[in-house]
Amino acid sequence: MKKDFKAIFGIFAVTLAIAATLLPLGCGGSSTPPNTVDMHNLKYAPATLTVSVGTTVTWRNTDNVQHSVTSTTGLFDSGLFSPGGSYTHTFTTAGTYPYYCIIHPGMTGTIIVQ
């Protein structure tokens, strides 16, 4: 009886160890790729992103409403795009670039290009 208990416990422990090792692999699908800003819950995330000159930034609309990515200086403007859509812009000059959503004025972000 003791041998059966030890065998069952050993199998359980090995199974638990394997599951704990593989668990982080299943969580990787929801991470944001580098140089990407997600729009969700009426926010840009990250709100501030620092990149190098020549970097292309991608904004992804992961929200359930339309958004825009509109530069306060007129440098770039995505226009409205629907959930599931994306917009890219390549930053060729160092500087600080604030932007906002034209239909959600409290939704703001900044790209810092070094």
N, C-alpha and C. Protein backbone atom coordinates (compact mmCIF):
# COMPACT_ATOMS: atom_id res chain seq x y z
N MET A 1 0.82 -1.19 0.00
CA MET A 1 0.00 0.00 0.00
C MET A 1 0.87 1.25 0.00
N LYS A 2 1.95 1.25 0.83
CA LYS A 2 2.83 2.40 0.87
C LYS A 2 3.51 2.62 -0.47
N LYS A 3 3.88 1.52 -1.15
CA LYS A 3 4.53 1.64 -2.45
C LYS A 3 3.58 2.26 -3.46
N ASP A 4 2.30 1.87 -3.44
CA ASP A 4 1.31 2.44 -4.36
C ASP A 4 1.17 3.94 -4.12
N PHE A 5 1.10 4.34 -2.86
CA PHE A 5 0.97 5.76 -2.52
C PHE A 5 2.18 6.55 -3.03
N LYS A 6 3.39 6.01 -2.80
CA LYS A 6 4.61 6.69 -3.26
C LYS A 6 4.63 6.80 -4.78
N ALA A 7 4.20 5.76 -5.47
CA ALA A 7 4.20 5.79 -6.93
C ALA A 7 3.21 6.83 -7.45
N ILE A 8 2.02 6.86 -6.87
CA ILE A 8 1.00 7.84 -7.28
C ILE A 8 1.48 9.25 -6.96
N PHE A 9 2.05 9.44 -5.78
CA PHE A 9 2.56 10.76 -5.40
C PHE A 9 3.68 11.19 -6.35
N GLY A 10 4.57 10.26 -6.71
CA GLY A 10 5.67 10.57 -7.63
C GLY A 10 5.16 11.00 -9.00
N ILE A 11 4.17 10.28 -9.52
CA ILE A 11 3.58 10.63 -10.81
C ILE A 11 2.93 12.01 -10.73
N PHE A 12 2.21 12.26 -9.65
CA PHE A 12 1.56 13.56 -9.44
C PHE A 12 2.60 14.68 -9.40
N ALA A 13 3.69 14.47 -8.68
CA ALA A 13 4.73 15.50 -8.54
C ALA A 13 5.38 15.80 -9.89
N VAL A 14 5.66 14.77 -10.68
CA VAL A 14 6.27 14.97 -11.99
C VAL A 14 5.30 15.71 -12.91
N THR A 15 4.03 15.32 -12.90
CA THR A 15 3.02 15.99 -13.72
C THR A 15 2.91 17.47 -13.34
N LEU A 16 2.89 17.75 -12.06
CA LEU A 16 2.80 19.13 -11.58
C LEU A 16 4.03 19.93 -12.01
N ALA A 17 5.20 19.34 -11.93
CA ALA A 17 6.43 20.04 -12.33
C ALA A 17 6.41 20.36 -13.83
N ILE A 18 5.95 19.42 -14.64
CA ILE A 18 5.87 19.66 -16.09
C ILE A 18 4.86 20.76 -16.38
N ALA A 19 3.71 20.72 -15.74
CA ALA A 19 2.69 21.75 -15.95
C ALA A 19 3.20 23.13 -15.55
N ALA A 20 3.91 23.22 -14.45
CA ALA A 20 4.45 24.50 -13.99
C ALA A 20 5.49 25.04 -14.96
N THR A 21 6.23 24.16 -15.59
CA THR A 21 7.25 24.57 -16.57
C THR A 21 6.60 25.08 -17.85
N LEU A 22 5.53 24.45 -18.29
CA LEU A 22 4.89 24.83 -19.54
C LEU A 22 3.92 25.99 -19.40
N LEU A 23 3.45 26.30 -18.22
CA LEU A 23 2.46 27.34 -18.01
C LEU A 23 2.87 28.69 -18.60
N PRO A 24 4.09 29.16 -18.39
CA PRO A 24 4.46 30.46 -18.96
C PRO A 24 4.41 30.49 -20.49
N LEU A 25 4.58 29.35 -21.15
CA LEU A 25 4.53 29.32 -22.60
C LEU A 25 3.15 29.68 -23.12
N GLY A 26 2.12 29.32 -22.41
CA GLY A 26 0.77 29.62 -22.83
C GLY A 26 0.39 31.07 -22.61
N CYS A 27 1.15 31.80 -21.84
CA CYS A 27 0.82 33.19 -21.54
C CYS A 27 1.47 34.16 -22.52
N GLY A 28 2.34 33.69 -23.39
CA GLY A 28 3.10 34.58 -24.25
C GLY A 28 2.31 35.21 -25.37
N GLY A 29 1.16 34.68 -25.74
CA GLY A 29 0.43 35.18 -26.88
C GLY A 29 -0.16 36.55 -26.71
N SER A 30 -0.32 37.03 -25.52
CA SER A 30 -0.98 38.31 -25.31
C SER A 30 0.00 39.45 -25.12
N SER A 31 1.29 39.20 -25.24
CA SER A 31 2.25 40.27 -25.03
C SER A 31 2.28 41.20 -26.24
N THR A 32 2.69 42.43 -26.00
CA THR A 32 2.77 43.42 -27.05
C THR A 32 4.16 43.37 -27.68
N PRO A 33 4.24 43.26 -29.02
CA PRO A 33 5.55 43.25 -29.68
C PRO A 33 6.30 44.57 -29.45
N PRO A 34 7.61 44.57 -29.65
CA PRO A 34 8.39 45.80 -29.49
C PRO A 34 7.89 46.89 -30.44
N ASN A 35 8.01 48.14 -30.02
CA ASN A 35 7.64 49.31 -30.83
C ASN A 35 6.17 49.29 -31.25
N THR A 36 5.34 48.75 -30.38
CA THR A 36 3.90 48.65 -30.63
C THR A 36 3.14 49.31 -29.50
N VAL A 37 2.11 50.06 -29.86
CA VAL A 37 1.22 50.69 -28.89
C VAL A 37 -0.17 50.10 -29.10
N ASP A 38 -0.76 49.55 -28.05
CA ASP A 38 -2.11 49.02 -28.13
C ASP A 38 -3.11 50.07 -27.65
N MET A 39 -4.27 50.10 -28.26
CA MET A 39 -5.36 50.97 -27.85
C MET A 39 -6.44 50.10 -27.24
N HIS A 40 -6.69 50.30 -25.95
CA HIS A 40 -7.66 49.48 -25.24
C HIS A 40 -8.19 50.26 -24.05
N ASN A 41 -9.47 50.12 -23.77
CA ASN A 41 -10.11 50.84 -22.65
C ASN A 41 -9.87 52.34 -22.74
N LEU A 42 -9.93 52.87 -23.96
CA LEU A 42 -9.76 54.31 -24.21
C LEU A 42 -8.41 54.83 -23.73
N LYS A 43 -7.37 54.00 -23.88
CA LYS A 43 -6.01 54.39 -23.50
C LYS A 43 -5.03 53.83 -24.52
N TYR A 44 -3.91 54.54 -24.67
CA TYR A 44 -2.78 54.02 -25.41
C TYR A 44 -1.86 53.33 -24.41
N ALA A 45 -1.39 52.14 -24.75
CA ALA A 45 -0.50 51.41 -23.84
C ALA A 45 0.66 50.83 -24.62
N PRO A 46 1.87 51.28 -24.33
CA PRO A 46 2.21 52.24 -23.29
C PRO A 46 1.85 53.67 -23.73
N ALA A 47 1.60 54.52 -22.76
CA ALA A 47 1.26 55.91 -23.05
C ALA A 47 2.47 56.67 -23.59
N THR A 48 3.65 56.29 -23.16
CA THR A 48 4.89 56.88 -23.66
C THR A 48 5.81 55.76 -24.13
N LEU A 49 6.30 55.92 -25.35
CA LEU A 49 7.19 54.92 -25.93
C LEU A 49 8.44 55.63 -26.44
N THR A 50 9.61 55.13 -26.06
CA THR A 50 10.88 55.69 -26.51
C THR A 50 11.50 54.76 -27.55
N VAL A 51 11.85 55.33 -28.71
CA VAL A 51 12.42 54.55 -29.81
C VAL A 51 13.62 55.28 -30.41
N SER A 52 14.34 54.60 -31.26
CA SER A 52 15.48 55.18 -31.98
C SER A 52 15.01 55.79 -33.29
N VAL A 53 15.79 56.75 -33.80
CA VAL A 53 15.52 57.32 -35.12
C VAL A 53 15.47 56.18 -36.14
N GLY A 54 14.49 56.24 -37.03
CA GLY A 54 14.33 55.22 -38.06
C GLY A 54 13.40 54.09 -37.67
N THR A 55 12.88 54.12 -36.45
CA THR A 55 11.99 53.06 -35.97
C THR A 55 10.58 53.26 -36.52
N THR A 56 9.96 52.16 -36.91
CA THR A 56 8.55 52.17 -37.28
C THR A 56 7.74 51.73 -36.08
N VAL A 57 6.80 52.57 -35.68
CA VAL A 57 5.91 52.27 -34.56
C VAL A 57 4.58 51.80 -35.13
N THR A 58 4.02 50.77 -34.52
CA THR A 58 2.72 50.24 -34.91
C THR A 58 1.73 50.48 -33.78
N TRP A 59 0.58 51.04 -34.11
CA TRP A 59 -0.52 51.17 -33.16
C TRP A 59 -1.57 50.14 -33.56
N ARG A 60 -2.04 49.37 -32.58
CA ARG A 60 -3.06 48.34 -32.82
C ARG A 60 -4.32 48.68 -32.04
N ASN A 61 -5.45 48.68 -32.73
CA ASN A 61 -6.73 48.94 -32.06
C ASN A 61 -7.27 47.63 -31.51
N THR A 62 -7.02 47.39 -30.22
CA THR A 62 -7.51 46.18 -29.56
C THR A 62 -8.75 46.50 -28.73
N ASP A 63 -9.30 47.68 -28.93
CA ASP A 63 -10.50 48.12 -28.21
C ASP A 63 -11.73 47.67 -28.99
N ASN A 64 -12.91 48.05 -28.51
CA ASN A 64 -14.14 47.68 -29.21
C ASN A 64 -14.81 48.89 -29.87
N VAL A 65 -14.07 50.00 -30.01
CA VAL A 65 -14.56 51.20 -30.68
C VAL A 65 -13.48 51.74 -31.61
N GLN A 66 -13.87 52.63 -32.52
CA GLN A 66 -12.90 53.25 -33.42
C GLN A 66 -11.98 54.20 -32.67
N HIS A 67 -10.77 54.36 -33.19
CA HIS A 67 -9.80 55.31 -32.65
C HIS A 67 -9.01 55.91 -33.80
N SER A 68 -8.23 56.94 -33.45
CA SER A 68 -7.25 57.49 -34.39
C SER A 68 -5.93 57.67 -33.66
N VAL A 69 -4.90 57.89 -34.45
CA VAL A 69 -3.58 58.25 -33.94
C VAL A 69 -3.24 59.55 -34.67
N THR A 70 -3.40 60.67 -33.98
CA THR A 70 -3.30 61.98 -34.61
C THR A 70 -2.24 62.82 -33.91
N SER A 71 -1.21 63.20 -34.65
CA SER A 71 -0.13 64.03 -34.10
C SER A 71 -0.66 65.42 -33.80
N THR A 72 -0.21 66.00 -32.70
CA THR A 72 -0.64 67.37 -32.36
C THR A 72 -0.02 68.39 -33.31
N THR A 73 1.03 68.00 -34.05
CA THR A 73 1.70 68.92 -34.98
C THR A 73 1.31 68.67 -36.43
N GLY A 74 0.49 67.66 -36.69
CA GLY A 74 0.10 67.34 -38.05
C GLY A 74 1.07 66.43 -38.79
N LEU A 75 2.10 65.93 -38.11
CA LEU A 75 3.10 65.07 -38.74
C LEU A 75 2.50 63.76 -39.24
N PHE A 76 1.58 63.19 -38.47
CA PHE A 76 0.94 61.94 -38.87
C PHE A 76 -0.51 61.94 -38.40
N ASP A 77 -1.34 61.23 -39.15
CA ASP A 77 -2.76 61.11 -38.81
C ASP A 77 -3.31 59.85 -39.46
N SER A 78 -3.70 58.92 -38.63
CA SER A 78 -4.19 57.63 -39.14
C SER A 78 -5.59 57.72 -39.71
N GLY A 79 -6.34 58.77 -39.34
CA GLY A 79 -7.77 58.73 -39.60
C GLY A 79 -8.38 57.71 -38.65
N LEU A 80 -9.68 57.59 -38.68
CA LEU A 80 -10.33 56.61 -37.80
C LEU A 80 -10.10 55.20 -38.32
N PHE A 81 -9.82 54.29 -37.40
CA PHE A 81 -9.77 52.89 -37.81
C PHE A 81 -10.44 52.02 -36.75
N SER A 82 -11.01 50.94 -37.24
CA SER A 82 -11.89 50.08 -36.45
C SER A 82 -11.12 49.10 -35.58
N PRO A 83 -11.82 48.48 -34.62
CA PRO A 83 -11.20 47.42 -33.82
C PRO A 83 -10.58 46.36 -34.73
N GLY A 84 -9.39 45.93 -34.35
CA GLY A 84 -8.66 44.95 -35.15
C GLY A 84 -7.73 45.58 -36.17
N GLY A 85 -7.89 46.88 -36.41
CA GLY A 85 -7.05 47.57 -37.38
C GLY A 85 -5.74 48.02 -36.77
N SER A 86 -4.83 48.47 -37.63
CA SER A 86 -3.55 48.98 -37.15
C SER A 86 -3.08 50.12 -38.05
N TYR A 87 -2.11 50.86 -37.55
CA TYR A 87 -1.52 52.00 -38.26
C TYR A 87 -0.04 52.03 -37.93
N THR A 88 0.80 52.37 -38.91
CA THR A 88 2.23 52.47 -38.66
C THR A 88 2.75 53.83 -39.12
N HIS A 89 3.81 54.26 -38.44
CA HIS A 89 4.51 55.49 -38.84
C HIS A 89 5.98 55.30 -38.51
N THR A 90 6.85 55.72 -39.44
CA THR A 90 8.29 55.64 -39.23
C THR A 90 8.80 57.02 -38.81
N PHE A 91 9.53 57.05 -37.70
CA PHE A 91 10.05 58.30 -37.14
C PHE A 91 11.49 58.49 -37.62
N THR A 92 11.72 59.54 -38.42
CA THR A 92 13.03 59.76 -39.04
C THR A 92 13.83 60.87 -38.39
N THR A 93 13.23 61.59 -37.44
CA THR A 93 13.90 62.71 -36.79
C THR A 93 13.73 62.60 -35.28
N ALA A 94 14.81 62.85 -34.55
CA ALA A 94 14.73 62.83 -33.09
C ALA A 94 13.78 63.92 -32.61
N GLY A 95 13.09 63.64 -31.52
CA GLY A 95 12.16 64.62 -30.96
C GLY A 95 11.11 63.95 -30.11
N THR A 96 10.21 64.76 -29.60
CA THR A 96 9.09 64.28 -28.79
C THR A 96 7.82 64.54 -29.57
N TYR A 97 7.02 63.50 -29.76
CA TYR A 97 5.85 63.56 -30.62
C TYR A 97 4.58 63.19 -29.85
N PRO A 98 3.86 64.18 -29.33
CA PRO A 98 2.60 63.89 -28.66
C PRO A 98 1.51 63.60 -29.71
N TYR A 99 0.57 62.76 -29.34
CA TYR A 99 -0.55 62.43 -30.22
C TYR A 99 -1.80 62.17 -29.39
N TYR A 100 -2.95 62.08 -30.07
CA TYR A 100 -4.23 61.89 -29.38
C TYR A 100 -5.21 61.20 -30.33
N CYS A 101 -6.35 60.82 -29.78
CA CYS A 101 -7.45 60.25 -30.57
C CYS A 101 -8.44 61.38 -30.84
N ILE A 102 -8.82 61.59 -32.11
CA ILE A 102 -9.67 62.72 -32.44
C ILE A 102 -11.09 62.60 -31.87
N ILE A 103 -11.54 61.40 -31.57
CA ILE A 103 -12.89 61.28 -31.00
C ILE A 103 -12.88 61.00 -29.50
N HIS A 104 -11.71 60.81 -28.93
CA HIS A 104 -11.57 60.62 -27.48
C HIS A 104 -10.43 61.53 -27.02
N PRO A 105 -10.68 62.84 -26.87
CA PRO A 105 -9.59 63.80 -26.62
C PRO A 105 -8.79 63.54 -25.35
N GLY A 106 -9.33 62.81 -24.39
CA GLY A 106 -8.58 62.48 -23.18
C GLY A 106 -7.60 61.34 -23.40
N MET A 107 -7.66 60.74 -24.57
CA MET A 107 -6.80 59.61 -24.92
C MET A 107 -5.55 60.17 -25.59
N THR A 108 -4.43 60.20 -24.86
CA THR A 108 -3.21 60.83 -25.36
C THR A 108 -2.01 59.91 -25.18
N GLY A 109 -1.00 60.15 -25.99
CA GLY A 109 0.24 59.40 -25.88
C GLY A 109 1.40 60.22 -26.40
N THR A 110 2.60 59.70 -26.21
CA THR A 110 3.81 60.39 -26.65
C THR A 110 4.82 59.37 -27.17
N ILE A 111 5.41 59.69 -28.31
CA ILE A 111 6.55 58.93 -28.82
C ILE A 111 7.78 59.81 -28.65
N ILE A 112 8.80 59.28 -27.99
CA ILE A 112 10.07 59.98 -27.83
C ILE A 112 11.08 59.29 -28.74
N VAL A 113 11.64 60.06 -29.67
CA VAL A 113 12.59 59.51 -30.63
C VAL A 113 13.98 60.05 -30.30
N GLN A 114 14.92 59.14 -30.08
CA GLN A 114 16.29 59.53 -29.70
C GLN A 114 17.28 59.22 -30.80
